[in-house]
Amino acid sequence: MKITKLRLTKEASNRLRFLAGKTGLTPNLLCRLGFCLSLNEPSIPNPTDYPEEDREFNRYTLLGEYDLLFVSLLKQRCYQDGLELSDLSDHFRAHMNRGVVLLQKRIKGVGDIVELLQ
């Protein structure tokens, strides 16, 4: 598995900017929350729906000290979905992009983040 960088779609980047402005949270934290929301969704996101076209993140900056945890969660989800681990970077990108969209639909301010985490 070689995931070093992640690029978001234009839509996800715009939603991420909106969320950061509304909540005051960093894009890294918002992406992590969204990623978890996406992993919790029963459907499998299609990586081809999320072209690499806008904002770029370094994997280690994005995931920080929790890198191993997030990669393990993704591997477990791929295993449950019957997906090949050779496509892990595509599924990482798909879950991250879908997660930002899901998060933006649920969050209107900091209070919604607190409620989400409870």
C-alpha atoms as a PDB file:
ATOM      1  CA  MET A   1       0.000   0.000   0.000  1.00  0.00           C
ATOM      2  CA  LYS A   2       1.390   3.353  -1.026  1.00  0.00           C
ATOM      3  CA  ILE A   3      -0.724   6.246   0.174  1.00  0.00           C
ATOM      4  CA  THR A   4       1.297   9.409   0.582  1.00  0.00           C
ATOM      5  CA  LYS A   5      -1.045  12.105  -0.670  1.00  0.00           C
ATOM      6  CA  LEU A   6      -4.783  12.553  -0.972  1.00  0.00           C
ATOM      7  CA  ARG A   7      -6.586  14.922  -3.296  1.00  0.00           C
ATOM      8  CA  LEU A   8     -10.169  15.981  -2.772  1.00  0.00           C
ATOM      9  CA  THR A   9     -12.781  16.764  -5.392  1.00  0.00           C
ATOM     10  CA  LYS A  10     -13.747  20.391  -5.984  1.00  0.00           C
ATOM     11  CA  GLU A  11     -17.078  19.764  -4.268  1.00  0.00           C
ATOM     12  CA  ALA A  12     -15.464  18.274  -1.163  1.00  0.00           C
ATOM     13  CA  SER A  13     -12.891  21.089  -1.035  1.00  0.00           C
ATOM     14  CA  ASN A  14     -15.622  23.725  -1.167  1.00  0.00           C
ATOM     15  CA  ARG A  15     -17.611  21.979   1.538  1.00  0.00           C
ATOM     16  CA  LEU A  16     -14.482  21.652   3.660  1.00  0.00           C
ATOM     17  CA  ARG A  17     -13.847  25.408   3.419  1.00  0.00           C
ATOM     18  CA  PHE A  18     -17.445  26.052   4.439  1.00  0.00           C
ATOM     19  CA  LEU A  19     -17.175  23.692   7.419  1.00  0.00           C
ATOM     20  CA  ALA A  20     -13.876  25.174   8.577  1.00  0.00           C
ATOM     21  CA  GLY A  21     -15.405  28.645   8.486  1.00  0.00           C
ATOM     22  CA  LYS A  22     -18.519  27.571  10.386  1.00  0.00           C
ATOM     23  CA  THR A  23     -16.781  25.514  13.062  1.00  0.00           C
ATOM     24  CA  GLY A  24     -13.294  26.973  13.388  1.00  0.00           C
ATOM     25  CA  LEU A  25     -11.876  23.439  13.176  1.00  0.00           C
ATOM     26  CA  THR A  26      -8.907  22.617  10.965  1.00  0.00           C
ATOM     27  CA  PRO A  27      -9.466  20.797   7.669  1.00  0.00           C
ATOM     28  CA  ASN A  28      -7.478  17.833   9.018  1.00  0.00           C
ATOM     29  CA  LEU A  29      -9.844  17.324  11.944  1.00  0.00           C
ATOM     30  CA  LEU A  30     -12.897  17.776   9.754  1.00  0.00           C
ATOM     31  CA  CYS A  31     -11.583  15.219   7.247  1.00  0.00           C
ATOM     32  CA  ARG A  32     -10.974  12.712  10.041  1.00  0.00           C
ATOM     33  CA  LEU A  33     -14.529  13.127  11.318  1.00  0.00           C
ATOM     34  CA  GLY A  34     -15.939  12.804   7.824  1.00  0.00           C
ATOM     35  CA  PHE A  35     -13.840   9.722   7.122  1.00  0.00           C
ATOM     36  CA  CYS A  36     -15.342   8.019  10.175  1.00  0.00           C
ATOM     37  CA  LEU A  37     -18.860   8.986   9.077  1.00  0.00           C
ATOM     38  CA  SER A  38     -18.220   7.468   5.662  1.00  0.00           C
ATOM     39  CA  LEU A  39     -16.860   4.244   7.137  1.00  0.00           C
ATOM     40  CA  ASN A  40     -20.054   3.994   9.183  1.00  0.00           C
ATOM     41  CA  GLU A  41     -22.277   4.211   6.084  1.00  0.00           C
ATOM     42  CA  PRO A  42     -23.368   0.780   4.832  1.00  0.00           C
ATOM     43  CA  SER A  43     -22.937   1.555   1.126  1.00  0.00           C
ATOM     44  CA  ILE A  44     -19.585   1.318  -0.644  1.00  0.00           C
ATOM     45  CA  PRO A  45     -18.395   4.591  -2.186  1.00  0.00           C
ATOM     46  CA  ASN A  46     -17.269   4.310  -5.796  1.00  0.00           C
ATOM     47  CA  PRO A  47     -13.755   5.761  -6.165  1.00  0.00           C
ATOM     48  CA  THR A  48     -14.487   6.859  -9.744  1.00  0.00           C
ATOM     49  CA  ASP A  49     -17.108   9.265  -8.355  1.00  0.00           C
ATOM     50  CA  TYR A  50     -14.320  11.198  -6.615  1.00  0.00           C
ATOM     51  CA  PRO A  51     -11.729  12.475  -9.110  1.00  0.00           C
ATOM     52  CA  GLU A  52      -8.485  13.914  -7.799  1.00  0.00           C
ATOM     53  CA  GLU A  53      -8.971  17.510  -8.839  1.00  0.00           C
ATOM     54  CA  ASP A  54      -8.470  20.016  -6.051  1.00  0.00           C
ATOM     55  CA  ARG A  55      -7.051  20.325  -2.542  1.00  0.00           C
ATOM     56  CA  GLU A  56      -4.138  18.027  -1.704  1.00  0.00           C
ATOM     57  CA  PHE A  57      -3.229  16.661   1.720  1.00  0.00           C
ATOM     58  CA  ASN A  58      -0.142  14.831   2.864  1.00  0.00           C
ATOM     59  CA  ARG A  59      -1.313  11.582   4.461  1.00  0.00           C
ATOM     60  CA  TYR A  60       0.799  11.974   7.580  1.00  0.00           C
ATOM     61  CA  THR A  61      -0.267  15.585   8.078  1.00  0.00           C
ATOM     62  CA  LEU A  62      -3.889  14.609   7.556  1.00  0.00           C
ATOM     63  CA  LEU A  63      -3.945  11.622   9.899  1.00  0.00           C
ATOM     64  CA  GLY A  64      -1.210  12.616  12.332  1.00  0.00           C
ATOM     65  CA  GLU A  65      -0.439  10.295  15.193  1.00  0.00           C
ATOM     66  CA  TYR A  66      -3.596   8.323  14.380  1.00  0.00           C
ATOM     67  CA  ASP A  67      -2.349   7.185  10.965  1.00  0.00           C
ATOM     68  CA  LEU A  68      -2.181   3.508  11.907  1.00  0.00           C
ATOM     69  CA  LEU A  69      -5.678   3.625  13.407  1.00  0.00           C
ATOM     70  CA  PHE A  70      -7.283   5.178  10.326  1.00  0.00           C
ATOM     71  CA  VAL A  71      -5.477   2.850   7.910  1.00  0.00           C
ATOM     72  CA  SER A  72      -6.505  -0.153  10.025  1.00  0.00           C
ATOM     73  CA  LEU A  73     -10.127   1.010  10.034  1.00  0.00           C
ATOM     74  CA  LEU A  74     -10.021   1.368   6.255  1.00  0.00           C
ATOM     75  CA  LYS A  75      -8.475  -2.082   5.797  1.00  0.00           C
ATOM     76  CA  GLN A  76     -11.169  -3.605   8.009  1.00  0.00           C
ATOM     77  CA  ARG A  77     -13.893  -1.870   6.013  1.00  0.00           C
ATOM     78  CA  CYS A  78     -12.379  -3.062   2.713  1.00  0.00           C
ATOM     79  CA  TYR A  79     -12.219  -6.589   4.116  1.00  0.00           C
ATOM     80  CA  GLN A  80     -15.898  -6.415   5.142  1.00  0.00           C
ATOM     81  CA  ASP A  81     -16.848  -5.082   1.698  1.00  0.00           C
ATOM     82  CA  GLY A  82     -14.833  -7.775  -0.100  1.00  0.00           C
ATOM     83  CA  LEU A  83     -12.557  -5.202  -1.758  1.00  0.00           C
ATOM     84  CA  GLU A  84      -8.956  -5.662  -2.818  1.00  0.00           C
ATOM     85  CA  LEU A  85      -6.347  -4.040  -0.586  1.00  0.00           C
ATOM     86  CA  SER A  86      -4.358  -3.229  -3.715  1.00  0.00           C
ATOM     87  CA  ASP A  87      -6.960  -0.476  -4.319  1.00  0.00           C
ATOM     88  CA  LEU A  88      -6.656   0.902  -0.787  1.00  0.00           C
ATOM     89  CA  SER A  89      -5.577   4.398  -1.846  1.00  0.00           C
ATOM     90  CA  ASP A  90      -8.648   4.713  -4.097  1.00  0.00           C
ATOM     91  CA  HIS A  91     -10.947   3.646  -1.269  1.00  0.00           C
ATOM     92  CA  PHE A  92      -9.183   6.002   1.130  1.00  0.00           C
ATOM     93  CA  ARG A  93      -9.854   8.890  -1.269  1.00  0.00           C
ATOM     94  CA  ALA A  94     -13.473   7.814  -1.797  1.00  0.00           C
ATOM     95  CA  HIS A  95     -14.250   7.577   1.921  1.00  0.00           C
ATOM     96  CA  MET A  96     -12.526  10.879   2.662  1.00  0.00           C
ATOM     97  CA  ASN A  97     -14.443  12.731  -0.058  1.00  0.00           C
ATOM     98  CA  ARG A  98     -17.787  11.139   0.756  1.00  0.00           C
ATOM     99  CA  GLY A  99     -17.173  11.798   4.428  1.00  0.00           C
ATOM    100  CA  VAL A 100     -16.650  15.528   3.921  1.00  0.00           C
ATOM    101  CA  VAL A 101     -19.949  15.692   2.020  1.00  0.00           C
ATOM    102  CA  LEU A 102     -21.753  13.706   4.741  1.00  0.00           C
ATOM    103  CA  LEU A 103     -20.256  15.885   7.455  1.00  0.00           C
ATOM    104  CA  GLN A 104     -21.280  19.121   5.753  1.00  0.00           C
ATOM    105  CA  LYS A 105     -24.875  17.875   5.563  1.00  0.00           C
ATOM    106  CA  ARG A 106     -24.917  17.285   9.333  1.00  0.00           C
ATOM    107  CA  ILE A 107     -22.890  20.210  10.668  1.00  0.00           C
ATOM    108  CA  LYS A 108     -24.069  23.805  10.765  1.00  0.00           C
ATOM    109  CA  GLY A 109     -21.915  24.936  13.691  1.00  0.00           C
ATOM    110  CA  VAL A 110     -19.687  23.836  16.566  1.00  0.00           C
ATOM    111  CA  GLY A 111     -22.687  22.613  18.573  1.00  0.00           C
ATOM    112  CA  ASP A 112     -23.420  20.026  15.915  1.00  0.00           C
ATOM    113  CA  ILE A 113     -19.851  18.702  16.221  1.00  0.00           C
ATOM    114  CA  VAL A 114     -20.327  18.257  19.971  1.00  0.00           C
ATOM    115  CA  GLU A 115     -23.608  16.440  19.368  1.00  0.00           C
ATOM    116  CA  LEU A 116     -22.015  14.215  16.728  1.00  0.00           C
ATOM    117  CA  LEU A 117     -19.227  13.177  19.093  1.00  0.00           C
ATOM    118  CA  GLN A 118     -21.566  12.172  21.926  1.00  0.00           C
END
